[in-house]
Amino acid sequence: MELLVYSADWCRDCREAKRFLNRHGIAYTEINIETTPGAAEAVIAHTGKRAIPQFVLDGRWIQPYKPGHGFLYDEMAELLGVGHLA
């Protein structure tokens, strides 16, 4: 499984997404949209907006949060095959 996480240091939902992955021992490659050339543009090209965090799981783009509701713990636990640890 290859997991990319598009994020930024200032993003609260990004920090929560990475905490979730770290708690479950899920390896990922972080791509900071503020420091990686072309990263913000890639997010926009694939999602139609500058919305982070974004997961790219084996080439499939996934928004792991819902605006106004935060990180989607249950959905991401199921998708990644792990138990829910908030």
PDB file of N, CA and C in Angstrom:
ATOM      1  N   MET A   1       0.848  -1.172   0.000  1.00  0.00           N
ATOM      2  CA  MET A   1       0.000   0.000   0.000  1.00  0.00           C
ATOM      3  C   MET A   1       0.895   1.236   0.000  1.00  0.00           C
ATOM      4  N   GLU A   2       0.633   2.151  -0.910  1.00  0.00           N
ATOM      5  CA  GLU A   2       1.343   3.427  -0.935  1.00  0.00           C
ATOM      6  C   GLU A   2       0.361   4.527  -0.573  1.00  0.00           C
ATOM      7  N   LEU A   3       0.709   5.300   0.458  1.00  0.00           N
ATOM      8  CA  LEU A   3      -0.154   6.375   0.918  1.00  0.00           C
ATOM      9  C   LEU A   3       0.612   7.684   0.911  1.00  0.00           C
ATOM     10  N   LEU A   4       0.090   8.654   0.170  1.00  0.00           N
ATOM     11  CA  LEU A   4       0.612  10.013   0.182  1.00  0.00           C
ATOM     12  C   LEU A   4      -0.369  10.864   0.966  1.00  0.00           C
ATOM     13  N   VAL A   5       0.149  11.817   1.735  1.00  0.00           N
ATOM     14  CA  VAL A   5      -0.697  12.722   2.491  1.00  0.00           C
ATOM     15  C   VAL A   5      -0.311  14.146   2.110  1.00  0.00           C
ATOM     16  N   TYR A   6      -1.218  14.831   1.433  1.00  0.00           N
ATOM     17  CA  TYR A   6      -1.024  16.240   1.092  1.00  0.00           C
ATOM     18  C   TYR A   6      -1.491  17.052   2.287  1.00  0.00           C
ATOM     19  N   SER A   7      -0.613  17.925   2.789  1.00  0.00           N
ATOM     20  CA  SER A   7      -0.918  18.649   4.014  1.00  0.00           C
ATOM     21  C   SER A   7      -0.158  19.968   4.055  1.00  0.00           C
ATOM     22  N   ALA A   8      -0.346  20.695   5.166  1.00  0.00           N
ATOM     23  CA  ALA A   8       0.412  21.910   5.454  1.00  0.00           C
ATOM     24  C   ALA A   8       0.551  22.012   6.968  1.00  0.00           C
ATOM     25  N   ASP A   9       1.608  22.660   7.423  1.00  0.00           N
ATOM     26  CA  ASP A   9       1.873  22.768   8.857  1.00  0.00           C
ATOM     27  C   ASP A   9       0.749  23.475   9.609  1.00  0.00           C
ATOM     28  N   TRP A  10       0.103  24.455   8.983  1.00  0.00           N
ATOM     29  CA  TRP A  10      -0.928  25.251   9.647  1.00  0.00           C
ATOM     30  C   TRP A  10      -2.284  24.553   9.706  1.00  0.00           C
ATOM     31  N   CYS A  11      -2.423  23.419   9.069  1.00  0.00           N
ATOM     32  CA  CYS A  11      -3.718  22.747   8.908  1.00  0.00           C
ATOM     33  C   CYS A  11      -4.025  21.813  10.085  1.00  0.00           C
ATOM     34  N   ARG A  12      -5.025  22.166  10.887  1.00  0.00           N
ATOM     35  CA  ARG A  12      -5.425  21.368  12.047  1.00  0.00           C
ATOM     36  C   ARG A  12      -5.922  19.984  11.634  1.00  0.00           C
ATOM     37  N   ASP A  13      -6.742  19.902  10.582  1.00  0.00           N
ATOM     38  CA  ASP A  13      -7.229  18.601  10.116  1.00  0.00           C
ATOM     39  C   ASP A  13      -6.091  17.729   9.609  1.00  0.00           C
ATOM     40  N   CYS A  14      -5.069  18.345   9.033  1.00  0.00           N
ATOM     41  CA  CYS A  14      -3.895  17.593   8.571  1.00  0.00           C
ATOM     42  C   CYS A  14      -3.161  16.977   9.748  1.00  0.00           C
ATOM     43  N   ARG A  15      -2.984  17.749  10.802  1.00  0.00           N
ATOM     44  CA  ARG A  15      -2.308  17.229  11.996  1.00  0.00           C
ATOM     45  C   ARG A  15      -3.086  16.063  12.585  1.00  0.00           C
ATOM     46  N   GLU A  16      -4.403  16.161  12.616  1.00  0.00           N
ATOM     47  CA  GLU A  16      -5.219  15.066  13.144  1.00  0.00           C
ATOM     48  C   GLU A  16      -5.127  13.833  12.249  1.00  0.00           C
ATOM     49  N   ALA A  17      -5.131  14.017  10.943  1.00  0.00           N
ATOM     50  CA  ALA A  17      -5.008  12.893  10.005  1.00  0.00           C
ATOM     51  C   ALA A  17      -3.677  12.167  10.222  1.00  0.00           C
ATOM     52  N   LYS A  18      -2.588  12.920  10.380  1.00  0.00           N
ATOM     53  CA  LYS A  18      -1.275  12.311  10.592  1.00  0.00           C
ATOM     54  C   LYS A  18      -1.192  11.627  11.956  1.00  0.00           C
ATOM     55  N   ARG A  19      -1.831  12.202  12.979  1.00  0.00           N
ATOM     56  CA  ARG A  19      -1.879  11.545  14.296  1.00  0.00           C
ATOM     57  C   ARG A  19      -2.578  10.193  14.189  1.00  0.00           C
ATOM     58  N   PHE A  20      -3.686  10.159  13.460  1.00  0.00           N
ATOM     59  CA  PHE A  20      -4.435   8.922  13.253  1.00  0.00           C
ATOM     60  C   PHE A  20      -3.546   7.872  12.584  1.00  0.00           C
ATOM     61  N   LEU A  21      -2.876   8.256  11.520  1.00  0.00           N
ATOM     62  CA  LEU A  21      -2.008   7.317  10.802  1.00  0.00           C
ATOM     63  C   LEU A  21      -0.863   6.838  11.695  1.00  0.00           C
ATOM     64  N   ASN A  22      -0.258   7.748  12.425  1.00  0.00           N
ATOM     65  CA  ASN A  22       0.855   7.383  13.307  1.00  0.00           C
ATOM     66  C   ASN A  22       0.400   6.442  14.417  1.00  0.00           C
ATOM     67  N   ARG A  23      -0.772   6.691  15.003  1.00  0.00           N
ATOM     68  CA  ARG A  23      -1.300   5.821  16.061  1.00  0.00           C
ATOM     69  C   ARG A  23      -1.475   4.386  15.586  1.00  0.00           C
ATOM     70  N   HIS A  24      -1.809   4.257  14.309  1.00  0.00           N
ATOM     71  CA  HIS A  24      -2.059   2.934  13.742  1.00  0.00           C
ATOM     72  C   HIS A  24      -0.828   2.343  13.062  1.00  0.00           C
ATOM     73  N   GLY A  25       0.278   3.064  13.084  1.00  0.00           N
ATOM     74  CA  GLY A  25       1.507   2.563  12.476  1.00  0.00           C
ATOM     75  C   GLY A  25       1.421   2.458  10.964  1.00  0.00           C
ATOM     76  N   ILE A  26       0.632   3.333  10.351  1.00  0.00           N
ATOM     77  CA  ILE A  26       0.470   3.316   8.893  1.00  0.00           C
ATOM     78  C   ILE A  26       1.521   4.231   8.275  1.00  0.00           C
ATOM     79  N   ALA A  27       2.358   3.652   7.432  1.00  0.00           N
ATOM     80  CA  ALA A  27       3.414   4.415   6.766  1.00  0.00           C
ATOM     81  C   ALA A  27       2.810   5.305   5.686  1.00  0.00           C
ATOM     82  N   TYR A  28       3.339   6.516   5.580  1.00  0.00           N
ATOM     83  CA  TYR A  28       2.875   7.447   4.558  1.00  0.00           C
ATOM     84  C   TYR A  28       4.009   8.396   4.191  1.00  0.00           C
ATOM     85  N   THR A  29       3.852   9.008   3.042  1.00  0.00           N
ATOM     86  CA  THR A  29       4.766  10.043   2.606  1.00  0.00           C
ATOM     87  C   THR A  29       4.007  11.351   2.641  1.00  0.00           C
ATOM     88  N   GLU A  30       4.523  12.307   3.385  1.00  0.00           N
ATOM     89  CA  GLU A  30       3.866  13.606   3.495  1.00  0.00           C
ATOM     90  C   GLU A  30       4.341  14.527   2.384  1.00  0.00           C
ATOM     91  N   ILE A  31       3.404  15.218   1.779  1.00  0.00           N
ATOM     92  CA  ILE A  31       3.715  16.211   0.756  1.00  0.00           C
ATOM     93  C   ILE A  31       3.127  17.532   1.234  1.00  0.00           C
ATOM     94  N   ASN A  32       4.001  18.443   1.628  1.00  0.00           N
ATOM     95  CA  ASN A  32       3.583  19.735   2.150  1.00  0.00           C
ATOM     96  C   ASN A  32       3.277  20.656   0.974  1.00  0.00           C
ATOM     97  N   ILE A  33       2.041  21.126   0.893  1.00  0.00           N
ATOM     98  CA  ILE A  33       1.648  21.949  -0.255  1.00  0.00           C
ATOM     99  C   ILE A  33       2.298  23.329  -0.234  1.00  0.00           C
ATOM    100  N   GLU A  34       2.832  23.727   0.917  1.00  0.00           N
ATOM    101  CA  GLU A  34       3.476  25.036   1.025  1.00  0.00           C
ATOM    102  C   GLU A  34       4.932  24.999   0.576  1.00  0.00           C
ATOM    103  N   THR A  35       5.575  23.831   0.672  1.00  0.00           N
ATOM    104  CA  THR A  35       7.015  23.760   0.388  1.00  0.00           C
ATOM    105  C   THR A  35       7.374  22.870  -0.795  1.00  0.00           C
ATOM    106  N   THR A  36       6.433  22.080  -1.281  1.00  0.00           N
ATOM    107  CA  THR A  36       6.712  21.187  -2.400  1.00  0.00           C
ATOM    108  C   THR A  36       6.195  21.810  -3.693  1.00  0.00           C
ATOM    109  N   PRO A  37       7.095  22.165  -4.611  1.00  0.00           N
ATOM    110  CA  PRO A  37       6.658  22.783  -5.863  1.00  0.00           C
ATOM    111  C   PRO A  37       5.629  21.918  -6.594  1.00  0.00           C
ATOM    112  N   GLY A  38       4.533  22.536  -6.985  1.00  0.00           N
ATOM    113  CA  GLY A  38       3.495  21.863  -7.754  1.00  0.00           C
ATOM    114  C   GLY A  38       2.489  21.084  -6.926  1.00  0.00           C
ATOM    115  N   ALA A  39       2.726  20.958  -5.611  1.00  0.00           N
ATOM    116  CA  ALA A  39       1.833  20.141  -4.783  1.00  0.00           C
ATOM    117  C   ALA A  39       0.436  20.756  -4.662  1.00  0.00           C
ATOM    118  N   ALA A  40       0.358  22.048  -4.402  1.00  0.00           N
ATOM    119  CA  ALA A  40      -0.954  22.699  -4.286  1.00  0.00           C
ATOM    120  C   ALA A  40      -1.717  22.588  -5.601  1.00  0.00           C
ATOM    121  N   GLU A  41      -1.015  22.735  -6.693  1.00  0.00           N
ATOM    122  CA  GLU A  41      -1.641  22.619  -8.007  1.00  0.00           C
ATOM    123  C   GLU A  41      -2.150  21.198  -8.258  1.00  0.00           C
ATOM    124  N   ALA A  42      -1.414  20.200  -7.771  1.00  0.00           N
ATOM    125  CA  ALA A  42      -1.845  18.799  -7.931  1.00  0.00           C
ATOM    126  C   ALA A  42      -3.138  18.560  -7.171  1.00  0.00           C
ATOM    127  N   VAL A  43      -3.241  19.108  -5.960  1.00  0.00           N
ATOM    128  CA  VAL A  43      -4.474  18.964  -5.182  1.00  0.00           C
ATOM    129  C   VAL A  43      -5.641  19.582  -5.933  1.00  0.00           C
ATOM    130  N   ILE A  44      -5.454  20.783  -6.442  1.00  0.00           N
ATOM    131  CA  ILE A  44      -6.511  21.466  -7.188  1.00  0.00           C
ATOM    132  C   ILE A  44      -6.879  20.685  -8.443  1.00  0.00           C
ATOM    133  N   ALA A  45      -5.891  20.175  -9.157  1.00  0.00           N
ATOM    134  CA  ALA A  45      -6.143  19.429 -10.392  1.00  0.00           C
ATOM    135  C   ALA A  45      -6.965  18.162 -10.131  1.00  0.00           C
ATOM    136  N   HIS A  46      -6.742  17.515  -8.991  1.00  0.00           N
ATOM    137  CA  HIS A  46      -7.433  16.254  -8.712  1.00  0.00           C
ATOM    138  C   HIS A  46      -8.741  16.414  -7.950  1.00  0.00           C
ATOM    139  N   THR A  47      -8.873  17.519  -7.196  1.00  0.00           N
ATOM    140  CA  THR A  47     -10.066  17.684  -6.366  1.00  0.00           C
ATOM    141  C   THR A  47     -10.948  18.857  -6.777  1.00  0.00           C
ATOM    142  N   GLY A  48     -10.382  19.759  -7.581  1.00  0.00           N
ATOM    143  CA  GLY A  48     -11.131  20.940  -7.989  1.00  0.00           C
ATOM    144  C   GLY A  48     -11.082  22.068  -6.970  1.00  0.00           C
ATOM    145  N   LYS A  49     -10.336  21.874  -5.876  1.00  0.00           N
ATOM    146  CA  LYS A  49     -10.227  22.902  -4.840  1.00  0.00           C
ATOM    147  C   LYS A  49      -8.929  22.701  -4.063  1.00  0.00           C
ATOM    148  N   ARG A  50      -8.558  23.706  -3.311  1.00  0.00           N
ATOM    149  CA  ARG A  50      -7.354  23.608  -2.476  1.00  0.00           C
ATOM    150  C   ARG A  50      -7.797  23.150  -1.092  1.00  0.00           C
ATOM    151  N   ALA A  51      -8.115  21.884  -0.989  1.00  0.00           N
ATOM    152  CA  ALA A  51      -8.639  21.307   0.245  1.00  0.00           C
ATOM    153  C   ALA A  51      -7.674  20.248   0.754  1.00  0.00           C
ATOM    154  N   ILE A  52      -7.185  20.460   1.969  1.00  0.00           N
ATOM    155  CA  ILE A  52      -6.297  19.495   2.590  1.00  0.00           C
ATOM    156  C   ILE A  52      -6.814  19.176   3.978  1.00  0.00           C
ATOM    157  N   PRO A  53      -6.492  18.025   4.509  1.00  0.00           N
ATOM    158  CA  PRO A  53      -5.606  17.003   3.973  1.00  0.00           C
ATOM    159  C   PRO A  53      -6.267  16.223   2.842  1.00  0.00           C
ATOM    160  N   GLN A  54      -5.434  15.649   2.033  1.00  0.00           N
ATOM    161  CA  GLN A  54      -5.859  14.712   0.999  1.00  0.00           C
ATOM    162  C   GLN A  54      -4.987  13.483   1.119  1.00  0.00           C
ATOM    163  N   PHE A  55      -5.604  12.325   1.042  1.00  0.00           N
ATOM    164  CA  PHE A  55      -4.871  11.068   0.975  1.00  0.00           C
ATOM    165  C   PHE A  55      -4.872  10.622  -0.477  1.00  0.00           C
ATOM    166  N   VAL A  56      -3.762  10.051  -0.913  1.00  0.00           N
ATOM    167  CA  VAL A  56      -3.709   9.381  -2.206  1.00  0.00           C
ATOM    168  C   VAL A  56      -3.276   7.952  -1.895  1.00  0.00           C
ATOM    169  N   LEU A  57      -4.234   7.057  -1.937  1.00  0.00           N
ATOM    170  CA  LEU A  57      -4.017   5.665  -1.575  1.00  0.00           C
ATOM    171  C   LEU A  57      -3.923   4.836  -2.842  1.00  0.00           C
ATOM    172  N   ASP A  58      -2.719   4.356  -3.123  1.00  0.00           N
ATOM    173  CA  ASP A  58      -2.474   3.572  -4.336  1.00  0.00           C
ATOM    174  C   ASP A  58      -3.042   4.275  -5.571  1.00  0.00           C
ATOM    175  N   GLY A  59      -2.824   5.590  -5.635  1.00  0.00           N
ATOM    176  CA  GLY A  59      -3.237   6.376  -6.792  1.00  0.00           C
ATOM    177  C   GLY A  59      -4.648   6.937  -6.719  1.00  0.00           C
ATOM    178  N   ARG A  60      -5.410   6.565  -5.716  1.00  0.00           N
ATOM    179  CA  ARG A  60      -6.802   7.029  -5.573  1.00  0.00           C
ATOM    180  C   ARG A  60      -6.869   8.185  -4.568  1.00  0.00           C
ATOM    181  N   TRP A  61      -7.403   9.317  -5.003  1.00  0.00           N
ATOM    182  CA  TRP A  61      -7.512  10.496  -4.145  1.00  0.00           C
ATOM    183  C   TRP A  61      -8.711  10.359  -3.216  1.00  0.00           C
ATOM    184  N   ILE A  62      -8.468  10.643  -1.920  1.00  0.00           N
ATOM    185  CA  ILE A  62      -9.492  10.495  -0.892  1.00  0.00           C
ATOM    186  C   ILE A  62      -9.424  11.695   0.040  1.00  0.00           C
ATOM    187  N   GLN A  63     -10.559  12.301   0.310  1.00  0.00           N
ATOM    188  CA  GLN A  63     -10.618  13.388   1.284  1.00  0.00           C
ATOM    189  C   GLN A  63     -10.982  12.768   2.636  1.00  0.00           C
ATOM    190  N   PRO A  64     -10.036  12.729   3.591  1.00  0.00           N
ATOM    191  CA  PRO A  64     -10.258  12.014   4.843  1.00  0.00           C
ATOM    192  C   PRO A  64     -10.979  12.824   5.922  1.00  0.00           C
ATOM    193  N   TYR A  65     -11.574  13.911   5.545  1.00  0.00           N
ATOM    194  CA  TYR A  65     -12.293  14.737   6.504  1.00  0.00           C
ATOM    195  C   TYR A  65     -13.513  15.331   5.814  1.00  0.00           C
ATOM    196  N   LYS A  66     -14.423  15.828   6.607  1.00  0.00           N
ATOM    197  CA  LYS A  66     -15.603  16.510   6.083  1.00  0.00           C
ATOM    198  C   LYS A  66     -15.592  17.923   6.656  1.00  0.00           C
ATOM    199  N   PRO A  67     -15.599  18.939   5.793  1.00  0.00           N
ATOM    200  CA  PRO A  67     -15.562  20.314   6.297  1.00  0.00           C
ATOM    201  C   PRO A  67     -16.652  20.546   7.348  1.00  0.00           C
ATOM    202  N   GLY A  68     -16.239  21.141   8.446  1.00  0.00           N
ATOM    203  CA  GLY A  68     -17.164  21.418   9.532  1.00  0.00           C
ATOM    204  C   GLY A  68     -17.374  20.250  10.483  1.00  0.00           C
ATOM    205  N   HIS A  69     -16.887  19.058  10.110  1.00  0.00           N
ATOM    206  CA  HIS A  69     -17.058  17.871  10.941  1.00  0.00           C
ATOM    207  C   HIS A  69     -15.728  17.250  11.348  1.00  0.00           C
ATOM    208  N   GLY A  70     -14.655  17.557  10.642  1.00  0.00           N
ATOM    209  CA  GLY A  70     -13.340  17.041  10.979  1.00  0.00           C
ATOM    210  C   GLY A  70     -13.015  15.707  10.332  1.00  0.00           C
ATOM    211  N   PHE A  71     -12.025  15.058  10.912  1.00  0.00           N
ATOM    212  CA  PHE A  71     -11.497  13.812  10.375  1.00  0.00           C
ATOM    213  C   PHE A  71     -12.540  12.699  10.442  1.00  0.00           C
ATOM    214  N   LEU A  72     -12.600  11.884   9.405  1.00  0.00           N
ATOM    215  CA  LEU A  72     -13.574  10.790   9.298  1.00  0.00           C
ATOM    216  C   LEU A  72     -12.960   9.504   9.847  1.00  0.00           C
ATOM    217  N   TYR A  73     -12.926   9.398  11.171  1.00  0.00           N
ATOM    218  CA  TYR A  73     -12.265   8.267  11.833  1.00  0.00           C
ATOM    219  C   TYR A  73     -12.784   6.913  11.366  1.00  0.00           C
ATOM    220  N   ASP A  74     -14.088   6.710  11.454  1.00  0.00           N
ATOM    221  CA  ASP A  74     -14.651   5.400  11.128  1.00  0.00           C
ATOM    222  C   ASP A  74     -14.420   5.028   9.666  1.00  0.00           C
ATOM    223  N   GLU A  75     -14.645   5.968   8.766  1.00  0.00           N
ATOM    224  CA  GLU A  75     -14.474   5.704   7.337  1.00  0.00           C
ATOM    225  C   GLU A  75     -13.020   5.388   7.006  1.00  0.00           C
ATOM    226  N   MET A  76     -12.084   6.142   7.595  1.00  0.00           N
ATOM    227  CA  MET A  76     -10.671   5.911   7.300  1.00  0.00           C
ATOM    228  C   MET A  76     -10.185   4.628   7.963  1.00  0.00           C
ATOM    229  N   ALA A  77     -10.685   4.300   9.152  1.00  0.00           N
ATOM    230  CA  ALA A  77     -10.309   3.038   9.796  1.00  0.00           C
ATOM    231  C   ALA A  77     -10.741   1.871   8.941  1.00  0.00           C
ATOM    232  N   GLU A  78     -11.960   1.928   8.401  1.00  0.00           N
ATOM    233  CA  GLU A  78     -12.457   0.864   7.537  1.00  0.00           C
ATOM    234  C   GLU A  78     -11.647   0.786   6.240  1.00  0.00           C
ATOM    235  N   LEU A  79     -11.423   1.924   5.625  1.00  0.00           N
ATOM    236  CA  LEU A  79     -10.680   1.977   4.362  1.00  0.00           C
ATOM    237  C   LEU A  79      -9.266   1.417   4.517  1.00  0.00           C
ATOM    238  N   LEU A  80      -8.631   1.737   5.640  1.00  0.00           N
ATOM    239  CA  LEU A  80      -7.239   1.330   5.859  1.00  0.00           C
ATOM    240  C   LEU A  80      -7.126   0.008   6.609  1.00  0.00           C
ATOM    241  N   GLY A  81      -8.251  -0.572   6.986  1.00  0.00           N
ATOM    242  CA  GLY A  81      -8.255  -1.879   7.624  1.00  0.00           C
ATOM    243  C   GLY A  81      -7.681  -1.877   9.030  1.00  0.00           C
ATOM    244  N   VAL A  82      -7.995  -0.838   9.779  1.00  0.00           N
ATOM    245  CA  VAL A  82      -7.521  -0.745  11.166  1.00  0.00           C
ATOM    246  C   VAL A  82      -8.701  -0.481  12.092  1.00  0.00           C
ATOM    247  N   GLY A  83      -8.475  -0.689  13.389  1.00  0.00           N
ATOM    248  CA  GLY A  83      -9.506  -0.373  14.371  1.00  0.00           C
ATOM    249  C   GLY A  83      -9.560   1.133  14.582  1.00  0.00           C
ATOM    250  N   HIS A  84     -10.667   1.614  15.062  1.00  0.00           N
ATOM    251  CA  HIS A  84     -10.845   3.044  15.306  1.00  0.00           C
ATOM    252  C   HIS A  84     -10.190   3.437  16.633  1.00  0.00           C
ATOM    253  N   LEU A  85      -9.162   4.259  16.550  1.00  0.00           N
ATOM    254  CA  LEU A  85      -8.529   4.850  17.728  1.00  0.00           C
ATOM    255  C   LEU A  85      -8.528   6.351  17.527  1.00  0.00           C
ATOM    256  N   ALA A  86      -9.469   7.042  18.100  1.00  0.00           N
ATOM    257  CA  ALA A  86      -9.570   8.502  17.911  1.00  0.00           C
ATOM    258  C   ALA A  86      -8.373   9.212  18.486  1.00  0.00           C
TER     259      ALA A  86
END
